[in-house]
Protein backbone atom coordinates (compact mmCIF):
# COMPACT_ATOMS: atom_id res chain seq x y z
CA UNK A 1 -3.17 -9.86 -5.55
CA UNK A 2 0.34 -8.36 -6.17
CA UNK A 3 1.25 -5.23 -7.96
CA UNK A 4 4.85 -7.44 -8.52
CA UNK A 5 2.88 -8.61 -11.66
CA UNK A 6 2.19 -4.98 -12.85
CA UNK A 7 5.40 -3.57 -12.50
CA UNK A 8 7.32 -6.78 -14.25
CA UNK A 9 4.49 -6.39 -17.23
CA UNK A 10 5.38 -2.58 -17.49
CA UNK A 11 9.38 -2.88 -17.25
CA UNK A 12 9.53 -6.10 -19.70
CA UNK A 13 10.40 -5.96 -23.06
CA UNK A 14 11.66 -2.74 -22.88
CA UNK A 15 8.51 -0.83 -23.98
CA UNK A 16 10.59 2.47 -22.99
CA UNK A 17 12.89 2.57 -25.50
CA UNK A 18 10.26 1.00 -27.97
CA UNK A 19 8.40 4.13 -27.42
CA UNK A 20 5.14 2.14 -26.43
CA UNK A 21 4.18 4.08 -23.29
CA UNK A 22 0.54 3.89 -24.13
CA UNK A 23 0.49 0.65 -23.79
CA UNK A 24 2.66 0.44 -20.32
CA UNK A 25 0.66 3.23 -18.99
CA UNK A 26 -3.24 1.61 -20.35
CA UNK A 27 -1.66 -1.57 -18.38
CA UNK A 28 -0.64 0.82 -15.27
CA UNK A 29 -4.01 2.20 -14.46
CA UNK A 30 -5.49 -1.45 -14.54
CA UNK A 31 -4.19 -1.41 -10.97
CA UNK A 32 -6.15 0.76 -9.64
CA UNK A 33 -9.55 -0.36 -9.85
CA UNK A 34 -8.23 -4.21 -9.47
CA UNK A 35 -6.81 -3.30 -6.48
CA UNK A 36 -10.07 -1.35 -5.21
CA UNK A 37 -12.29 -4.40 -5.84
CA UNK A 38 -9.51 -6.59 -3.99
CA UNK A 39 -9.69 -4.05 -1.02
CA UNK A 40 -13.44 -3.82 -0.69
CA UNK A 41 -14.33 -7.69 -1.12
CA UNK A 42 -11.61 -8.90 1.08
CA UNK A 43 -11.91 -6.15 3.62
CA UNK A 44 -15.67 -7.37 3.69
CA UNK A 45 -14.49 -11.11 4.12
CA UNK A 46 -11.71 -10.14 7.34
CA UNK A 47 -14.52 -8.31 8.86
CA UNK A 48 -17.94 -10.28 8.19
CA UNK A 49 -17.18 -13.86 7.31
CA UNK A 50 -14.09 -14.51 9.10
CA UNK A 51 -13.97 -14.96 13.12
CA UNK A 52 -13.42 -11.73 14.84
CA UNK A 53 -10.91 -11.41 17.72
CA UNK A 54 -11.98 -10.59 21.35
CA UNK A 55 -14.02 -7.35 21.67
CA UNK A 56 -12.07 -6.34 24.76
CA UNK A 57 -8.52 -7.20 23.08
CA UNK A 58 -9.31 -5.54 19.78
CA UNK A 59 -11.68 -2.94 20.05
CA UNK A 60 -10.72 -1.41 17.14
CA UNK A 61 -10.32 -4.42 14.97
CA UNK A 62 -13.32 -3.57 12.27
CA UNK A 63 -11.64 0.01 11.87
CA UNK A 64 -8.40 -0.70 11.53
CA UNK A 65 -9.41 -3.59 8.74
CA UNK A 66 -10.55 -0.95 6.51
CA UNK A 67 -8.07 1.50 7.04
CA UNK A 68 -5.29 -0.98 6.09
CA UNK A 69 -7.42 -1.55 3.07
CA UNK A 70 -7.78 1.68 2.36
CA UNK A 71 -3.98 2.20 2.48
CA UNK A 72 -3.50 -0.80 0.53
CA UNK A 73 -5.23 0.25 -2.12
CA UNK A 74 -4.24 4.12 -2.12
CA UNK A 75 -0.79 2.84 -2.37
CA UNK A 76 -1.32 1.65 -5.80
CA UNK A 77 -2.24 5.10 -6.88
CA UNK A 78 1.66 5.72 -7.01
CA UNK A 79 2.66 2.88 -9.45
CA UNK A 80 2.66 4.65 -12.13
CA UNK A 81 5.47 6.85 -10.65
CA UNK A 82 7.11 4.06 -9.26
CA UNK A 83 7.38 2.33 -12.55
CA UNK A 84 8.28 5.53 -14.75
CA UNK A 85 11.19 5.77 -12.01
CA UNK A 86 12.43 2.38 -12.41
CA UNK A 87 12.26 2.96 -16.21
CA UNK A 88 14.45 5.98 -16.06
CA UNK A 89 16.54 4.58 -13.72
CA UNK A 90 15.88 6.94 -10.60
CA UNK A 91 17.35 4.27 -8.31
CA UNK A 92 18.17 6.69 -5.22
CA UNK A 93 15.55 8.69 -5.11
CA UNK A 94 13.36 5.32 -4.76
CA UNK A 95 15.68 3.55 -2.20
CA UNK A 96 15.70 7.73 -0.16
CA UNK A 97 11.87 7.49 -0.20
CA UNK A 98 11.20 3.98 0.80
CA UNK A 99 13.98 4.12 3.55
CA UNK A 100 12.51 7.48 5.09
CA UNK A 101 8.68 6.10 4.83
CA UNK A 102 9.72 2.44 6.75
CA UNK A 103 11.71 4.45 8.93
CA UNK A 104 8.87 6.93 9.70
CA UNK A 105 6.45 4.04 9.64
CA UNK A 106 7.79 1.66 12.11
CA UNK A 107 9.30 5.28 14.72
CA UNK A 108 5.16 6.16 14.60
CA UNK A 109 4.07 2.75 15.15
CA UNK A 110 6.47 2.31 18.56
CA UNK A 111 5.89 5.74 19.44
CA UNK A 112 1.93 5.37 19.65
CA UNK A 113 1.96 1.87 21.18
CA UNK A 114 4.22 3.04 23.78
CA UNK A 115 1.94 6.28 24.41
CA UNK A 116 -1.55 4.63 24.05
CA UNK A 117 -0.82 0.97 24.58
CA UNK A 118 -4.90 0.00 24.47
CA UNK A 119 -5.18 1.05 20.92
CA UNK A 120 -3.15 -1.74 19.90
CA UNK A 121 -3.77 -2.80 16.21
CA UNK A 122 -4.75 0.95 15.17
CA UNK A 123 -1.51 2.27 16.31
CA UNK A 124 0.16 0.37 13.31
CA UNK A 125 -2.95 1.32 10.90
CA UNK A 126 -1.91 5.41 12.02
CA UNK A 127 1.53 4.49 10.88
CA UNK A 128 0.61 2.99 7.64
CA UNK A 129 -2.08 6.13 7.25
CA UNK A 130 1.41 8.30 7.51
CA UNK A 131 3.41 5.75 5.14
CA UNK A 132 0.57 6.44 2.43
CA UNK A 133 0.52 10.09 2.92
CA UNK A 134 4.50 10.33 3.06
CA UNK A 135 4.62 8.51 -0.62
């Protein structure tokens, strides 16, 4: 499931200039329950139905899957703000915020991997949480 479809639907047809914000906002809020259902279902499938890696290699695997799923769903909470910023053409703000968030994510991931290499996948999960908190 991709949020791009919701973004394009909300920004297509120039609803902003026509004053149909109610329809746009209603469509935007559909992303949150759909994302929650997808996150829960796919997390269950990923942890319980698919083959798990060796426990010695990835001790935090189930926790990492749940954290990634939660962050993916939680990032959908900012979708209404993203569409509003696009509709009113706050492009510089969007580029700045997303650029800082990506740099922070990778800087933290690299730092954690260098400090705690035994955590492995959990390092990437913690950096993903940082991006969610920052956004």
